[in-house]
Amino acid sequence: PGQLLRHYAPKTPLRLNALYAEEGEALLAFGKLTFGGYNLNLSEQGDLQEAASNLFSMLHELDKLGARRIAVMPIPNESLGLAINDRLKRAAES
């Protein structure tokens, strides 16, 4: 488990480390969010455990929207964030 690229990849392309959603994008946010549009937030409190728990279900939910791309806000690259970023990178590359 965790080694297969397809397991993580939505059909919709990902744009990582996005600070906002561009036109035609859905947003996968993390932490405080101060703008509108269609988005889901992995953890408004910035909790990496909550973000990890929500990652795949939210990616797949955003995938169903038919957006041209999913913009993913930066996740801290520490502790559990290392694993989350690894999964996101795999999903973006497949």
C-alpha atoms as a PDB file:
ATOM      1  CA  PRO A   1       0.000   0.000   0.000  1.00  0.00           C
ATOM      2  CA  GLY A   2       1.059   3.543  -0.649  1.00  0.00           C
ATOM      3  CA  GLN A   3       3.354   2.694  -3.543  1.00  0.00           C
ATOM      4  CA  LEU A   4       0.930   2.664  -6.458  1.00  0.00           C
ATOM      5  CA  LEU A   5       0.585   5.959  -8.321  1.00  0.00           C
ATOM      6  CA  ARG A   6      -2.930   5.284  -9.617  1.00  0.00           C
ATOM      7  CA  HIS A   7      -4.298   4.833  -6.120  1.00  0.00           C
ATOM      8  CA  TYR A   8      -3.692   8.500  -5.358  1.00  0.00           C
ATOM      9  CA  ALA A   9      -4.345  10.134  -8.679  1.00  0.00           C
ATOM     10  CA  PRO A  10      -7.625  11.810  -9.531  1.00  0.00           C
ATOM     11  CA  LYS A  11      -8.363  12.099 -13.248  1.00  0.00           C
ATOM     12  CA  THR A  12      -8.238  15.876 -12.932  1.00  0.00           C
ATOM     13  CA  PRO A  13      -4.669  17.261 -13.050  1.00  0.00           C
ATOM     14  CA  LEU A  14      -3.263  18.787  -9.848  1.00  0.00           C
ATOM     15  CA  ARG A  15      -1.416  22.076  -9.407  1.00  0.00           C
ATOM     16  CA  LEU A  16       0.569  21.890  -6.173  1.00  0.00           C
ATOM     17  CA  ASN A  17       1.557  24.715  -3.809  1.00  0.00           C
ATOM     18  CA  ALA A  18      -1.195  26.955  -5.132  1.00  0.00           C
ATOM     19  CA  LEU A  19      -1.978  30.118  -3.185  1.00  0.00           C
ATOM     20  CA  TYR A  20      -5.343  30.561  -4.912  1.00  0.00           C
ATOM     21  CA  ALA A  21      -7.556  28.871  -7.490  1.00  0.00           C
ATOM     22  CA  GLU A  22      -7.280  30.097 -11.059  1.00  0.00           C
ATOM     23  CA  GLU A  23     -10.290  30.279 -13.348  1.00  0.00           C
ATOM     24  CA  GLY A  24     -11.651  26.792 -13.997  1.00  0.00           C
ATOM     25  CA  GLU A  25      -9.904  25.249 -10.984  1.00  0.00           C
ATOM     26  CA  ALA A  26     -11.309  23.683  -7.843  1.00  0.00           C
ATOM     27  CA  LEU A  27      -9.305  24.338  -4.675  1.00  0.00           C
ATOM     28  CA  LEU A  28      -8.070  21.904  -2.053  1.00  0.00           C
ATOM     29  CA  ALA A  29      -7.248  24.255   0.802  1.00  0.00           C
ATOM     30  CA  PHE A  30      -5.305  23.895   4.040  1.00  0.00           C
ATOM     31  CA  GLY A  31      -5.544  26.265   7.000  1.00  0.00           C
ATOM     32  CA  LYS A  32      -7.222  29.652   6.984  1.00  0.00           C
ATOM     33  CA  LEU A  33      -9.150  30.358   3.803  1.00  0.00           C
ATOM     34  CA  THR A  34     -10.195  33.908   2.946  1.00  0.00           C
ATOM     35  CA  PHE A  35     -11.671  33.646  -0.551  1.00  0.00           C
ATOM     36  CA  GLY A  36     -14.662  32.027  -2.231  1.00  0.00           C
ATOM     37  CA  GLY A  37     -15.144  29.659  -5.128  1.00  0.00           C
ATOM     38  CA  TYR A  38     -15.644  25.916  -4.972  1.00  0.00           C
ATOM     39  CA  ASN A  39     -13.224  24.476  -2.484  1.00  0.00           C
ATOM     40  CA  LEU A  40     -12.752  21.919   0.230  1.00  0.00           C
ATOM     41  CA  ASN A  41     -10.456  22.435   3.194  1.00  0.00           C
ATOM     42  CA  LEU A  42      -8.308  19.560   4.450  1.00  0.00           C
ATOM     43  CA  SER A  43      -8.124  21.246   7.870  1.00  0.00           C
ATOM     44  CA  GLU A  44      -9.149  24.804   8.680  1.00  0.00           C
ATOM     45  CA  GLN A  45      -7.166  24.531  11.926  1.00  0.00           C
ATOM     46  CA  GLY A  46      -4.017  23.423  10.077  1.00  0.00           C
ATOM     47  CA  ASP A  47      -4.079  19.979  11.717  1.00  0.00           C
ATOM     48  CA  LEU A  48      -1.957  17.559   9.677  1.00  0.00           C
ATOM     49  CA  GLN A  49      -3.690  14.482  11.130  1.00  0.00           C
ATOM     50  CA  GLU A  50      -7.080  15.820  10.032  1.00  0.00           C
ATOM     51  CA  ALA A  51      -5.632  16.745   6.631  1.00  0.00           C
ATOM     52  CA  ALA A  52      -4.238  13.231   6.119  1.00  0.00           C
ATOM     53  CA  SER A  53      -7.582  11.737   7.075  1.00  0.00           C
ATOM     54  CA  ASN A  54      -9.443  13.928   4.557  1.00  0.00           C
ATOM     55  CA  LEU A  55      -6.951  13.829   1.684  1.00  0.00           C
ATOM     56  CA  PHE A  56      -8.243  11.066  -0.580  1.00  0.00           C
ATOM     57  CA  SER A  57     -11.963  11.592  -0.061  1.00  0.00           C
ATOM     58  CA  MET A  58     -11.625  15.312  -0.789  1.00  0.00           C
ATOM     59  CA  LEU A  59      -9.428  14.759  -3.848  1.00  0.00           C
ATOM     60  CA  HIS A  60     -11.992  12.350  -5.245  1.00  0.00           C
ATOM     61  CA  GLU A  61     -14.875  14.702  -4.420  1.00  0.00           C
ATOM     62  CA  LEU A  62     -13.161  17.569  -6.250  1.00  0.00           C
ATOM     63  CA  ASP A  63     -12.342  15.205  -9.112  1.00  0.00           C
ATOM     64  CA  LYS A  64     -16.071  14.702  -9.730  1.00  0.00           C
ATOM     65  CA  LEU A  65     -16.659  18.425 -10.369  1.00  0.00           C
ATOM     66  CA  GLY A  66     -15.281  18.446 -13.880  1.00  0.00           C
ATOM     67  CA  ALA A  67     -12.889  21.335 -13.184  1.00  0.00           C
ATOM     68  CA  ARG A  68      -9.958  21.668 -15.574  1.00  0.00           C
ATOM     69  CA  ARG A  69      -7.539  21.312 -12.653  1.00  0.00           C
ATOM     70  CA  ILE A  70      -7.402  20.980  -8.858  1.00  0.00           C
ATOM     71  CA  ALA A  71      -5.255  23.615  -7.138  1.00  0.00           C
ATOM     72  CA  VAL A  72      -3.754  22.312  -3.888  1.00  0.00           C
ATOM     73  CA  MET A  73      -2.588  24.801  -1.261  1.00  0.00           C
ATOM     74  CA  PRO A  74       0.819  24.236   0.371  1.00  0.00           C
ATOM     75  CA  ILE A  75       1.042  21.663   3.147  1.00  0.00           C
ATOM     76  CA  PRO A  76       3.837  22.112   5.717  1.00  0.00           C
ATOM     77  CA  ASN A  77       6.684  19.787   4.784  1.00  0.00           C
ATOM     78  CA  GLU A  78       7.209  18.454   8.301  1.00  0.00           C
ATOM     79  CA  SER A  79       6.009  15.481  10.338  1.00  0.00           C
ATOM     80  CA  LEU A  80       2.891  13.962   8.736  1.00  0.00           C
ATOM     81  CA  GLY A  81       3.012  16.715   6.124  1.00  0.00           C
ATOM     82  CA  LEU A  82       5.966  14.908   4.520  1.00  0.00           C
ATOM     83  CA  ALA A  83       3.733  11.905   3.783  1.00  0.00           C
ATOM     84  CA  ILE A  84       0.854  14.095   2.584  1.00  0.00           C
ATOM     85  CA  ASN A  85       3.159  15.971   0.204  1.00  0.00           C
ATOM     86  CA  ASP A  86       4.588  12.684  -1.059  1.00  0.00           C
ATOM     87  CA  ARG A  87       1.087  11.418  -1.892  1.00  0.00           C
ATOM     88  CA  LEU A  88       0.187  14.695  -3.573  1.00  0.00           C
ATOM     89  CA  LYS A  89       3.374  14.665  -5.637  1.00  0.00           C
ATOM     90  CA  ARG A  90       2.666  11.092  -6.755  1.00  0.00           C
ATOM     91  CA  ALA A  91      -0.889  12.032  -7.685  1.00  0.00           C
ATOM     92  CA  ALA A  92       0.275  15.081  -9.653  1.00  0.00           C
ATOM     93  CA  GLU A  93       2.858  13.089 -11.613  1.00  0.00           C
ATOM     94  CA  SER A  94       0.703  10.188 -12.675  1.00  0.00           C
END
